[in-house]
Amino acid sequence: MIFKSKKRKKHKKQKQGEGEIFRVRLPKGKEVLGILEQRLGANRMLVRCLDGKSRVCRIPGRMKRRLWIREGNVVLVEPWELGGEEKGDIIWKYNPAEVDWLKRKGFLKTEAEF
């Protein structure tokens, strides 16, 4: 019995932040930009938002497997309707090229101004 080996395509991994930016997700409605300060465990993170508040945020279940974030990442936070001053959901993570674009266009302040 002869077994045929499965041919697997090797995908070239693109470096994050390279390439041309076509569209950057901007905050709409109640959404706020923020920087991840600390991972608290149990799917909770402390995010310092642009509106001057620190929120304990989580990644919703539909995005848990797709969204990998670390301290210092710029994220988009949607505050909760109840307890929105202190809690929220992380709905988007910006790559380095998008962060540069946000800084150039004035959407993201420098870290000292937070």
PDB file of N, CA and C in Angstrom:
ATOM      1  N   MET A   1       0.835  -1.162   0.000  1.00  0.00           N
ATOM      2  CA  MET A   1       0.000   0.000   0.000  1.00  0.00           C
ATOM      3  C   MET A   1       0.894   1.244   0.000  1.00  0.00           C
ATOM      4  N   ILE A   2       0.678   2.116  -0.944  1.00  0.00           N
ATOM      5  CA  ILE A   2       1.495   3.313  -1.078  1.00  0.00           C
ATOM      6  C   ILE A   2       0.667   4.508  -0.618  1.00  0.00           C
ATOM      7  N   PHE A   3       1.249   5.277   0.280  1.00  0.00           N
ATOM      8  CA  PHE A   3       0.568   6.469   0.780  1.00  0.00           C
ATOM      9  C   PHE A   3       1.129   7.688   0.057  1.00  0.00           C
ATOM     10  N   LYS A   4       0.235   8.516  -0.392  1.00  0.00           N
ATOM     11  CA  LYS A   4       0.650   9.758  -1.030  1.00  0.00           C
ATOM     12  C   LYS A   4       0.734  10.849   0.037  1.00  0.00           C
ATOM     13  N   SER A   5       1.796  11.569  -0.010  1.00  0.00           N
ATOM     14  CA  SER A   5       1.924  12.653   0.965  1.00  0.00           C
ATOM     15  C   SER A   5       1.074  13.836   0.517  1.00  0.00           C
ATOM     16  N   LYS A   6       0.505  14.473   1.487  1.00  0.00           N
ATOM     17  CA  LYS A   6      -0.310  15.640   1.179  1.00  0.00           C
ATOM     18  C   LYS A   6       0.601  16.830   0.943  1.00  0.00           C
ATOM     19  N   LYS A   7       0.358  17.501  -0.148  1.00  0.00           N
ATOM     20  CA  LYS A   7       1.140  18.690  -0.444  1.00  0.00           C
ATOM     21  C   LYS A   7       0.476  19.869   0.246  1.00  0.00           C
ATOM     22  N   ARG A   8       1.254  20.552   1.008  1.00  0.00           N
ATOM     23  CA  ARG A   8       0.731  21.712   1.722  1.00  0.00           C
ATOM     24  C   ARG A   8       1.390  22.964   1.177  1.00  0.00           C
ATOM     25  N   LYS A   9       0.567  23.929   0.955  1.00  0.00           N
ATOM     26  CA  LYS A   9       1.082  25.204   0.465  1.00  0.00           C
ATOM     27  C   LYS A   9       1.655  25.979   1.629  1.00  0.00           C
ATOM     28  N   LYS A  10       2.803  26.531   1.402  1.00  0.00           N
ATOM     29  CA  LYS A  10       3.405  27.371   2.416  1.00  0.00           C
ATOM     30  C   LYS A  10       2.993  28.809   2.142  1.00  0.00           C
ATOM     31  N   HIS A  11       2.335  29.384   3.125  1.00  0.00           N
ATOM     32  CA  HIS A  11       1.902  30.764   2.981  1.00  0.00           C
ATOM     33  C   HIS A  11       3.001  31.684   3.485  1.00  0.00           C
ATOM     34  N   LYS A  12       3.271  32.692   2.708  1.00  0.00           N
ATOM     35  CA  LYS A  12       4.249  33.677   3.149  1.00  0.00           C
ATOM     36  C   LYS A  12       3.568  34.589   4.163  1.00  0.00           C
ATOM     37  N   LYS A  13       4.195  34.689   5.293  1.00  0.00           N
ATOM     38  CA  LYS A  13       3.636  35.509   6.348  1.00  0.00           C
ATOM     39  C   LYS A  13       4.075  36.952   6.133  1.00  0.00           C
ATOM     40  N   GLN A  14       3.097  37.836   5.987  1.00  0.00           N
ATOM     41  CA  GLN A  14       3.425  39.237   5.800  1.00  0.00           C
ATOM     42  C   GLN A  14       3.704  39.860   7.158  1.00  0.00           C
ATOM     43  N   LYS A  15       4.670  40.731   7.181  1.00  0.00           N
ATOM     44  CA  LYS A  15       4.962  41.441   8.413  1.00  0.00           C
ATOM     45  C   LYS A  15       3.831  42.412   8.695  1.00  0.00           C
ATOM     46  N   GLN A  16       3.452  42.468   9.953  1.00  0.00           N
ATOM     47  CA  GLN A  16       2.370  43.347  10.328  1.00  0.00           C
ATOM     48  C   GLN A  16       2.808  44.789  10.171  1.00  0.00           C
ATOM     49  N   GLY A  17       1.953  45.591   9.569  1.00  0.00           N
ATOM     50  CA  GLY A  17       2.273  46.992   9.395  1.00  0.00           C
ATOM     51  C   GLY A  17       2.829  47.319   8.024  1.00  0.00           C
ATOM     52  N   GLU A  18       3.165  46.318   7.231  1.00  0.00           N
ATOM     53  CA  GLU A  18       3.663  46.584   5.891  1.00  0.00           C
ATOM     54  C   GLU A  18       2.497  46.647   4.926  1.00  0.00           C
ATOM     55  N   GLY A  19       2.724  47.273   3.838  1.00  0.00           N
ATOM     56  CA  GLY A  19       1.716  47.309   2.792  1.00  0.00           C
ATOM     57  C   GLY A  19       0.924  48.603   2.833  1.00  0.00           C
ATOM     58  N   GLU A  20       0.025  48.699   1.899  1.00  0.00           N
ATOM     59  CA  GLU A  20      -0.768  49.901   1.736  1.00  0.00           C
ATOM     60  C   GLU A  20      -2.048  49.795   2.559  1.00  0.00           C
ATOM     61  N   ILE A  21      -2.453  50.901   3.128  1.00  0.00           N
ATOM     62  CA  ILE A  21      -3.686  50.925   3.922  1.00  0.00           C
ATOM     63  C   ILE A  21      -4.812  51.414   3.022  1.00  0.00           C
ATOM     64  N   PHE A  22      -5.855  50.644   2.956  1.00  0.00           N
ATOM     65  CA  PHE A  22      -6.982  51.034   2.131  1.00  0.00           C
ATOM     66  C   PHE A  22      -8.068  51.715   2.951  1.00  0.00           C
ATOM     67  N   ARG A  23      -8.359  51.180   4.132  1.00  0.00           N
ATOM     68  CA  ARG A  23      -9.420  51.738   4.954  1.00  0.00           C
ATOM     69  C   ARG A  23      -9.084  51.494   6.416  1.00  0.00           C
ATOM     70  N   VAL A  24      -9.199  52.528   7.225  1.00  0.00           N
ATOM     71  CA  VAL A  24      -8.934  52.418   8.654  1.00  0.00           C
ATOM     72  C   VAL A  24     -10.256  52.565   9.391  1.00  0.00           C
ATOM     73  N   ARG A  25     -10.493  51.673  10.314  1.00  0.00           N
ATOM     74  CA  ARG A  25     -11.737  51.709  11.100  1.00  0.00           C
ATOM     75  C   ARG A  25     -11.667  52.866  12.084  1.00  0.00           C
ATOM     76  N   LEU A  26     -12.618  53.770  12.021  1.00  0.00           N
ATOM     77  CA  LEU A  26     -12.665  54.924  12.906  1.00  0.00           C
ATOM     78  C   LEU A  26     -13.787  54.742  13.927  1.00  0.00           C
ATOM     79  N   PRO A  27     -13.671  55.389  15.093  1.00  0.00           N
ATOM     80  CA  PRO A  27     -14.722  55.266  16.109  1.00  0.00           C
ATOM     81  C   PRO A  27     -16.030  55.882  15.631  1.00  0.00           C
ATOM     82  N   LYS A  28     -17.136  55.161  15.860  1.00  0.00           N
ATOM     83  CA  LYS A  28     -18.474  55.650  15.515  1.00  0.00           C
ATOM     84  C   LYS A  28     -19.328  55.660  16.770  1.00  0.00           C
ATOM     85  N   GLY A  29     -20.164  56.642  16.903  1.00  0.00           N
ATOM     86  CA  GLY A  29     -21.090  56.683  18.029  1.00  0.00           C
ATOM     87  C   GLY A  29     -20.371  56.757  19.366  1.00  0.00           C
ATOM     88  N   LYS A  30     -20.569  55.739  20.201  1.00  0.00           N
ATOM     89  CA  LYS A  30     -19.997  55.722  21.549  1.00  0.00           C
ATOM     90  C   LYS A  30     -18.614  55.077  21.610  1.00  0.00           C
ATOM     91  N   GLU A  31     -18.106  54.591  20.501  1.00  0.00           N
ATOM     92  CA  GLU A  31     -16.813  53.898  20.494  1.00  0.00           C
ATOM     93  C   GLU A  31     -15.669  54.873  20.801  1.00  0.00           C
ATOM     94  N   VAL A  32     -14.630  54.354  21.483  1.00  0.00           N
ATOM     95  CA  VAL A  32     -13.510  55.171  21.938  1.00  0.00           C
ATOM     96  C   VAL A  32     -12.204  54.443  21.636  1.00  0.00           C
ATOM     97  N   LEU A  33     -11.168  55.192  21.261  1.00  0.00           N
ATOM     98  CA  LEU A  33      -9.839  54.619  21.096  1.00  0.00           C
ATOM     99  C   LEU A  33      -9.173  54.471  22.456  1.00  0.00           C
ATOM    100  N   GLY A  34      -8.314  53.463  22.587  1.00  0.00           N
ATOM    101  CA  GLY A  34      -7.613  53.270  23.847  1.00  0.00           C
ATOM    102  C   GLY A  34      -6.340  52.466  23.656  1.00  0.00           C
ATOM    103  N   ILE A  35      -5.517  52.450  24.702  1.00  0.00           N
ATOM    104  CA  ILE A  35      -4.272  51.678  24.701  1.00  0.00           C
ATOM    105  C   ILE A  35      -4.365  50.643  25.807  1.00  0.00           C
ATOM    106  N   LEU A  36      -4.026  49.409  25.478  1.00  0.00           N
ATOM    107  CA  LEU A  36      -4.069  48.327  26.455  1.00  0.00           C
ATOM    108  C   LEU A  36      -2.941  48.526  27.460  1.00  0.00           C
ATOM    109  N   GLU A  37      -3.295  48.671  28.738  1.00  0.00           N
ATOM    110  CA  GLU A  37      -2.300  48.877  29.781  1.00  0.00           C
ATOM    111  C   GLU A  37      -1.859  47.576  30.427  1.00  0.00           C
ATOM    112  N   GLN A  38      -2.821  46.703  30.730  1.00  0.00           N
ATOM    113  CA  GLN A  38      -2.489  45.508  31.492  1.00  0.00           C
ATOM    114  C   GLN A  38      -3.491  44.400  31.210  1.00  0.00           C
ATOM    115  N   ARG A  39      -2.985  43.180  31.123  1.00  0.00           N
ATOM    116  CA  ARG A  39      -3.861  42.017  30.998  1.00  0.00           C
ATOM    117  C   ARG A  39      -4.117  41.495  32.405  1.00  0.00           C
ATOM    118  N   LEU A  40      -5.376  41.373  32.761  1.00  0.00           N
ATOM    119  CA  LEU A  40      -5.746  41.014  34.124  1.00  0.00           C
ATOM    120  C   LEU A  40      -6.015  39.531  34.289  1.00  0.00           C
ATOM    121  N   GLY A  41      -6.132  38.802  33.211  1.00  0.00           N
ATOM    122  CA  GLY A  41      -6.450  37.379  33.280  1.00  0.00           C
ATOM    123  C   GLY A  41      -7.940  37.166  33.148  1.00  0.00           C
ATOM    124  N   ALA A  42      -8.317  35.915  32.876  1.00  0.00           N
ATOM    125  CA  ALA A  42      -9.724  35.539  32.703  1.00  0.00           C
ATOM    126  C   ALA A  42     -10.397  36.407  31.640  1.00  0.00           C
ATOM    127  N   ASN A  43      -9.682  36.659  30.530  1.00  0.00           N
ATOM    128  CA  ASN A  43     -10.209  37.405  29.393  1.00  0.00           C
ATOM    129  C   ASN A  43     -10.542  38.857  29.735  1.00  0.00           C
ATOM    130  N   ARG A  44      -9.900  39.422  30.721  1.00  0.00           N
ATOM    131  CA  ARG A  44     -10.121  40.814  31.109  1.00  0.00           C
ATOM    132  C   ARG A  44      -8.831  41.607  30.895  1.00  0.00           C
ATOM    133  N   MET A  45      -8.986  42.865  30.472  1.00  0.00           N
ATOM    134  CA  MET A  45      -7.850  43.735  30.229  1.00  0.00           C
ATOM    135  C   MET A  45      -8.157  45.134  30.722  1.00  0.00           C
ATOM    136  N   LEU A  46      -7.138  45.837  31.173  1.00  0.00           N
ATOM    137  CA  LEU A  46      -7.287  47.219  31.598  1.00  0.00           C
ATOM    138  C   LEU A  46      -6.859  48.103  30.437  1.00  0.00           C
ATOM    139  N   VAL A  47      -7.789  48.933  29.957  1.00  0.00           N
ATOM    140  CA  VAL A  47      -7.543  49.789  28.795  1.00  0.00           C
ATOM    141  C   VAL A  47      -7.683  51.251  29.215  1.00  0.00           C
ATOM    142  N   ARG A  48      -6.681  52.063  28.870  1.00  0.00           N
ATOM    143  CA  ARG A  48      -6.737  53.499  29.122  1.00  0.00           C
ATOM    144  C   ARG A  48      -7.308  54.154  27.869  1.00  0.00           C
ATOM    145  N   CYS A  49      -8.489  54.739  27.984  1.00  0.00           N
ATOM    146  CA  CYS A  49      -9.209  55.287  26.831  1.00  0.00           C
ATOM    147  C   CYS A  49      -8.892  56.766  26.632  1.00  0.00           C
ATOM    148  N   LEU A  50      -9.159  57.255  25.410  1.00  0.00           N
ATOM    149  CA  LEU A  50      -8.890  58.650  25.064  1.00  0.00           C
ATOM    150  C   LEU A  50      -9.776  59.630  25.807  1.00  0.00           C
ATOM    151  N   ASP A  51     -10.916  59.184  26.313  1.00  0.00           N
ATOM    152  CA  ASP A  51     -11.800  60.089  27.042  1.00  0.00           C
ATOM    153  C   ASP A  51     -11.356  60.278  28.490  1.00  0.00           C
ATOM    154  N   GLY A  52     -10.184  59.734  28.850  1.00  0.00           N
ATOM    155  CA  GLY A  52      -9.616  59.952  30.164  1.00  0.00           C
ATOM    156  C   GLY A  52      -9.990  58.912  31.201  1.00  0.00           C
ATOM    157  N   LYS A  53     -10.717  57.878  30.816  1.00  0.00           N
ATOM    158  CA  LYS A  53     -11.141  56.853  31.763  1.00  0.00           C
ATOM    159  C   LYS A  53     -10.392  55.554  31.513  1.00  0.00           C
ATOM    160  N   SER A  54     -10.162  54.809  32.582  1.00  0.00           N
ATOM    161  CA  SER A  54      -9.604  53.462  32.450  1.00  0.00           C
ATOM    162  C   SER A  54     -10.738  52.476  32.604  1.00  0.00           C
ATOM    163  N   ARG A  55     -10.843  51.557  31.661  1.00  0.00           N
ATOM    164  CA  ARG A  55     -11.944  50.584  31.670  1.00  0.00           C
ATOM    165  C   ARG A  55     -11.399  49.167  31.726  1.00  0.00           C
ATOM    166  N   VAL A  56     -12.143  48.311  32.411  1.00  0.00           N
ATOM    167  CA  VAL A  56     -11.856  46.881  32.387  1.00  0.00           C
ATOM    168  C   VAL A  56     -12.644  46.337  31.200  1.00  0.00           C
ATOM    169  N   CYS A  57     -11.927  45.841  30.199  1.00  0.00           N
ATOM    170  CA  CYS A  57     -12.572  45.410  28.960  1.00  0.00           C
ATOM    171  C   CYS A  57     -12.368  43.921  28.738  1.00  0.00           C
ATOM    172  N   ARG A  58     -13.204  43.369  27.905  1.00  0.00           N
ATOM    173  CA  ARG A  58     -13.105  41.963  27.528  1.00  0.00           C
ATOM    174  C   ARG A  58     -13.209  41.864  26.009  1.00  0.00           C
ATOM    175  N   ILE A  59     -12.806  40.712  25.474  1.00  0.00           N
ATOM    176  CA  ILE A  59     -12.970  40.439  24.049  1.00  0.00           C
ATOM    177  C   ILE A  59     -14.226  39.593  23.910  1.00  0.00           C
ATOM    178  N   PRO A  60     -15.216  40.033  23.128  1.00  0.00           N
ATOM    179  CA  PRO A  60     -16.448  39.245  22.972  1.00  0.00           C
ATOM    180  C   PRO A  60     -16.161  37.857  22.401  1.00  0.00           C
ATOM    181  N   GLY A  61     -17.011  36.909  22.699  1.00  0.00           N
ATOM    182  CA  GLY A  61     -16.812  35.520  22.306  1.00  0.00           C
ATOM    183  C   GLY A  61     -16.636  35.307  20.818  1.00  0.00           C
ATOM    184  N   ARG A  62     -17.309  36.098  19.991  1.00  0.00           N
ATOM    185  CA  ARG A  62     -17.221  35.916  18.538  1.00  0.00           C
ATOM    186  C   ARG A  62     -15.852  36.292  17.999  1.00  0.00           C
ATOM    187  N   MET A  63     -15.047  37.014  18.793  1.00  0.00           N
ATOM    188  CA  MET A  63     -13.751  37.474  18.324  1.00  0.00           C
ATOM    189  C   MET A  63     -12.586  36.900  19.119  1.00  0.00           C
ATOM    190  N   LYS A  64     -12.832  36.058  20.098  1.00  0.00           N
ATOM    191  CA  LYS A  64     -11.777  35.561  20.987  1.00  0.00           C
ATOM    192  C   LYS A  64     -10.636  34.901  20.241  1.00  0.00           C
ATOM    193  N   ARG A  65     -10.935  34.066  19.285  1.00  0.00           N
ATOM    194  CA  ARG A  65      -9.897  33.314  18.578  1.00  0.00           C
ATOM    195  C   ARG A  65      -9.157  34.163  17.548  1.00  0.00           C
ATOM    196  N   ARG A  66      -9.801  35.222  17.053  1.00  0.00           N
ATOM    197  CA  ARG A  66      -9.220  36.018  15.978  1.00  0.00           C
ATOM    198  C   ARG A  66      -8.405  37.208  16.476  1.00  0.00           C
ATOM    199  N   LEU A  67      -8.662  37.657  17.687  1.00  0.00           N
ATOM    200  CA  LEU A  67      -8.066  38.897  18.167  1.00  0.00           C
ATOM    201  C   LEU A  67      -7.040  38.614  19.257  1.00  0.00           C
ATOM    202  N   TRP A  68      -5.759  38.733  18.910  1.00  0.00           N
ATOM    203  CA  TRP A  68      -4.678  38.509  19.865  1.00  0.00           C
ATOM    204  C   TRP A  68      -4.050  39.860  20.162  1.00  0.00           C
ATOM    205  N   ILE A  69      -4.118  40.273  21.418  1.00  0.00           N
ATOM    206  CA  ILE A  69      -3.587  41.590  21.752  1.00  0.00           C
ATOM    207  C   ILE A  69      -2.603  41.508  22.908  1.00  0.00           C
ATOM    208  N   ARG A  70      -1.719  42.485  22.964  1.00  0.00           N
ATOM    209  CA  ARG A  70      -0.700  42.579  24.007  1.00  0.00           C
ATOM    210  C   ARG A  70      -0.690  43.986  24.564  1.00  0.00           C
ATOM    211  N   GLU A  71       0.042  44.163  25.645  1.00  0.00           N
ATOM    212  CA  GLU A  71       0.148  45.481  26.263  1.00  0.00           C
ATOM    213  C   GLU A  71       0.766  46.463  25.275  1.00  0.00           C
ATOM    214  N   GLY A  72       0.198  47.651  25.225  1.00  0.00           N
ATOM    215  CA  GLY A  72       0.691  48.685  24.322  1.00  0.00           C
ATOM    216  C   GLY A  72      -0.041  48.748  22.994  1.00  0.00           C
ATOM    217  N   ASN A  73      -0.894  47.758  22.689  1.00  0.00           N
ATOM    218  CA  ASN A  73      -1.654  47.785  21.441  1.00  0.00           C
ATOM    219  C   ASN A  73      -2.740  48.855  21.501  1.00  0.00           C
ATOM    220  N   VAL A  74      -2.990  49.493  20.367  1.00  0.00           N
ATOM    221  CA  VAL A  74      -4.077  50.467  20.255  1.00  0.00           C
ATOM    222  C   VAL A  74      -5.322  49.704  19.830  1.00  0.00           C
ATOM    223  N   VAL A  75      -6.410  49.896  20.579  1.00  0.00           N
ATOM    224  CA  VAL A  75      -7.642  49.155  20.339  1.00  0.00           C
ATOM    225  C   VAL A  75      -8.829  50.109  20.280  1.00  0.00           C
ATOM    226  N   LEU A  76      -9.929  49.600  19.765  1.00  0.00           N
ATOM    227  CA  LEU A  76     -11.186  50.334  19.723  1.00  0.00           C
ATOM    228  C   LEU A  76     -12.110  49.707  20.758  1.00  0.00           C
ATOM    229  N   VAL A  77     -12.614  50.522  21.671  1.00  0.00           N
ATOM    230  CA  VAL A  77     -13.418  50.037  22.796  1.00  0.00           C
ATOM    231  C   VAL A  77     -14.843  50.535  22.644  1.00  0.00           C
ATOM    232  N   GLU A  78     -15.795  49.635  22.883  1.00  0.00           N
ATOM    233  CA  GLU A  78     -17.200  50.012  22.927  1.00  0.00           C
ATOM    234  C   GLU A  78     -17.669  49.908  24.380  1.00  0.00           C
ATOM    235  N   PRO A  79     -17.896  51.060  25.059  1.00  0.00           N
ATOM    236  CA  PRO A  79     -18.334  51.011  26.452  1.00  0.00           C
ATOM    237  C   PRO A  79     -19.709  50.347  26.576  1.00  0.00           C
ATOM    238  N   TRP A  80     -19.916  49.670  27.704  1.00  0.00           N
ATOM    239  CA  TRP A  80     -21.203  49.031  27.950  1.00  0.00           C
ATOM    240  C   TRP A  80     -22.256  50.093  28.248  1.00  0.00           C
ATOM    241  N   GLU A  81     -23.505  49.766  27.930  1.00  0.00           N
ATOM    242  CA  GLU A  81     -24.593  50.692  28.242  1.00  0.00           C
ATOM    243  C   GLU A  81     -24.771  50.819  29.751  1.00  0.00           C
ATOM    244  N   LEU A  82     -24.714  49.691  30.460  1.00  0.00           N
ATOM    245  CA  LEU A  82     -24.776  49.712  31.916  1.00  0.00           C
ATOM    246  C   LEU A  82     -23.353  49.555  32.438  1.00  0.00           C
ATOM    247  N   GLY A  83     -22.893  50.481  33.219  1.00  0.00           N
ATOM    248  CA  GLY A  83     -21.528  50.427  33.724  1.00  0.00           C
ATOM    249  C   GLY A  83     -20.515  50.858  32.689  1.00  0.00           C
ATOM    250  N   GLY A  84     -20.906  51.712  31.749  1.00  0.00           N
ATOM    251  CA  GLY A  84     -20.031  52.138  30.661  1.00  0.00           C
ATOM    252  C   GLY A  84     -18.845  52.970  31.105  1.00  0.00           C
ATOM    253  N   GLU A  85     -18.924  53.543  32.310  1.00  0.00           N
ATOM    254  CA  GLU A  85     -17.819  54.339  32.812  1.00  0.00           C
ATOM    255  C   GLU A  85     -16.628  53.474  33.179  1.00  0.00           C
ATOM    256  N   GLU A  86     -16.879  52.208  33.516  1.00  0.00           N
ATOM    257  CA  GLU A  86     -15.796  51.360  34.000  1.00  0.00           C
ATOM    258  C   GLU A  86     -15.636  50.046  33.248  1.00  0.00           C
ATOM    259  N   LYS A  87     -16.545  49.703  32.326  1.00  0.00           N
ATOM    260  CA  LYS A  87     -16.450  48.431  31.600  1.00  0.00           C
ATOM    261  C   LYS A  87     -16.716  48.637  30.115  1.00  0.00           C
ATOM    262  N   GLY A  88     -16.200  47.694  29.295  1.00  0.00           N
ATOM    263  CA  GLY A  88     -16.419  47.789  27.862  1.00  0.00           C
ATOM    264  C   GLY A  88     -15.944  46.551  27.132  1.00  0.00           C
ATOM    265  N   ASP A  89     -16.158  46.536  25.821  1.00  0.00           N
ATOM    266  CA  ASP A  89     -15.734  45.444  24.946  1.00  0.00           C
ATOM    267  C   ASP A  89     -14.677  45.956  23.978  1.00  0.00           C
ATOM    268  N   ILE A  90     -13.663  45.138  23.728  1.00  0.00           N
ATOM    269  CA  ILE A  90     -12.660  45.460  22.713  1.00  0.00           C
ATOM    270  C   ILE A  90     -13.179  44.907  21.391  1.00  0.00           C
ATOM    271  N   ILE A  91     -13.378  45.787  20.414  1.00  0.00           N
ATOM    272  CA  ILE A  91     -13.979  45.336  19.163  1.00  0.00           C
ATOM    273  C   ILE A  91     -13.025  45.403  17.976  1.00  0.00           C
ATOM    274  N   TRP A  92     -11.860  46.039  18.134  1.00  0.00           N
ATOM    275  CA  TRP A  92     -10.935  46.156  17.009  1.00  0.00           C
ATOM    276  C   TRP A  92      -9.528  46.402  17.522  1.00  0.00           C
ATOM    277  N   LYS A  93      -8.546  45.851  16.831  1.00  0.00           N
ATOM    278  CA  LYS A  93      -7.136  46.098  17.134  1.00  0.00           C
ATOM    279  C   LYS A  93      -6.496  46.713  15.901  1.00  0.00           C
ATOM    280  N   TYR A  94      -5.752  47.799  16.100  1.00  0.00           N
ATOM    281  CA  TYR A  94      -5.094  48.485  14.994  1.00  0.00           C
ATOM    282  C   TYR A  94      -3.679  47.957  14.811  1.00  0.00           C
ATOM    283  N   ASN A  95      -3.279  47.746  13.564  1.00  0.00           N
ATOM    284  CA  ASN A  95      -1.893  47.343  13.302  1.00  0.00           C
ATOM    285  C   ASN A  95      -1.011  48.594  13.272  1.00  0.00           C
ATOM    286  N   PRO A  96       0.311  48.444  13.303  1.00  0.00           N
ATOM    287  CA  PRO A  96       1.200  49.614  13.405  1.00  0.00           C
ATOM    288  C   PRO A  96       1.032  50.650  12.285  1.00  0.00           C
ATOM    289  N   ALA A  97       0.763  50.232  11.072  1.00  0.00           N
ATOM    290  CA  ALA A  97       0.573  51.186   9.980  1.00  0.00           C
ATOM    291  C   ALA A  97      -0.700  52.012  10.199  1.00  0.00           C
ATOM    292  N   GLU A  98      -1.742  51.374  10.711  1.00  0.00           N
ATOM    293  CA  GLU A  98      -2.981  52.105  10.993  1.00  0.00           C
ATOM    294  C   GLU A  98      -2.791  53.080  12.151  1.00  0.00           C
ATOM    295  N   VAL A  99      -1.978  52.704  13.144  1.00  0.00           N
ATOM    296  CA  VAL A  99      -1.699  53.595  14.274  1.00  0.00           C
ATOM    297  C   VAL A  99      -0.968  54.840  13.782  1.00  0.00           C
ATOM    298  N   ASP A 100      -0.001  54.664  12.887  1.00  0.00           N
ATOM    299  CA  ASP A 100       0.712  55.816  12.319  1.00  0.00           C
ATOM    300  C   ASP A 100      -0.250  56.732  11.571  1.00  0.00           C
ATOM    301  N   TRP A 101      -1.173  56.154  10.815  1.00  0.00           N
ATOM    302  CA  TRP A 101      -2.158  56.942  10.070  1.00  0.00           C
ATOM    303  C   TRP A 101      -3.046  57.718  11.035  1.00  0.00           C
ATOM    304  N   LEU A 102      -3.491  57.073  12.120  1.00  0.00           N
ATOM    305  CA  LEU A 102      -4.333  57.747  13.114  1.00  0.00           C
ATOM    306  C   LEU A 102      -3.594  58.913  13.767  1.00  0.00           C
ATOM    307  N   LYS A 103      -2.305  58.735  14.028  1.00  0.00           N
ATOM    308  CA  LYS A 103      -1.514  59.816  14.627  1.00  0.00           C
ATOM    309  C   LYS A 103      -1.353  60.980  13.658  1.00  0.00           C
ATOM    310  N   ARG A 104      -1.080  60.670  12.389  1.00  0.00           N
ATOM    311  CA  ARG A 104      -0.890  61.728  11.388  1.00  0.00           C
ATOM    312  C   ARG A 104      -2.165  62.534  11.173  1.00  0.00           C
ATOM    313  N   LYS A 105      -3.312  61.870  11.199  1.00  0.00           N
ATOM    314  CA  LYS A 105      -4.586  62.545  10.947  1.00  0.00           C
ATOM    315  C   LYS A 105      -5.172  63.198  12.193  1.00  0.00           C
ATOM    316  N   GLY A 106      -4.545  62.979  13.359  1.00  0.00           N
ATOM    317  CA  GLY A 106      -4.990  63.662  14.569  1.00  0.00           C
ATOM    318  C   GLY A 106      -6.050  62.925  15.375  1.00  0.00           C
ATOM    319  N   PHE A 107      -6.360  61.696  15.033  1.00  0.00           N
ATOM    320  CA  PHE A 107      -7.351  60.926  15.788  1.00  0.00           C
ATOM    321  C   PHE A 107      -6.761  60.385  17.090  1.00  0.00           C
ATOM    322  N   LEU A 108      -5.462  60.145  17.105  1.00  0.00           N
ATOM    323  CA  LEU A 108      -4.800  59.544  18.258  1.00  0.00           C
ATOM    324  C   LEU A 108      -3.792  60.536  18.814  1.00  0.00           C
ATOM    325  N   LYS A 109      -3.976  60.866  20.083  1.00  0.00           N
ATOM    326  CA  LYS A 109      -3.051  61.795  20.728  1.00  0.00           C
ATOM    327  C   LYS A 109      -1.763  61.059  21.055  1.00  0.00           C
ATOM    328  N   THR A 110      -0.740  61.827  21.423  1.00  0.00           N
ATOM    329  CA  THR A 110       0.495  61.188  21.879  1.00  0.00           C
ATOM    330  C   THR A 110       0.245  60.583  23.242  1.00  0.00           C
ATOM    331  N   GLU A 111       1.053  59.633  23.636  1.00  0.00           N
ATOM    332  CA  GLU A 111       0.847  58.905  24.885  1.00  0.00           C
ATOM    333  C   GLU A 111       0.947  59.811  26.101  1.00  0.00           C
ATOM    334  N   ALA A 112       1.712  60.903  26.009  1.00  0.00           N
ATOM    335  CA  ALA A 112       1.854  61.812  27.136  1.00  0.00           C
ATOM    336  C   ALA A 112       0.556  62.577  27.422  1.00  0.00           C
ATOM    337  N   GLU A 113      -0.275  62.748  26.401  1.00  0.00           N
ATOM    338  CA  GLU A 113      -1.517  63.506  26.558  1.00  0.00           C
ATOM    339  C   GLU A 113      -2.660  62.669  27.110  1.00  0.00           C
ATOM    340  N   PHE A 114      -2.479  61.382  27.264  1.00  0.00           N
ATOM    341  CA  PHE A 114      -3.562  60.515  27.739  1.00  0.00           C
ATOM    342  C   PHE A 114      -3.948  60.891  29.134  1.00  0.00           C
TER     343      PHE A 114
END
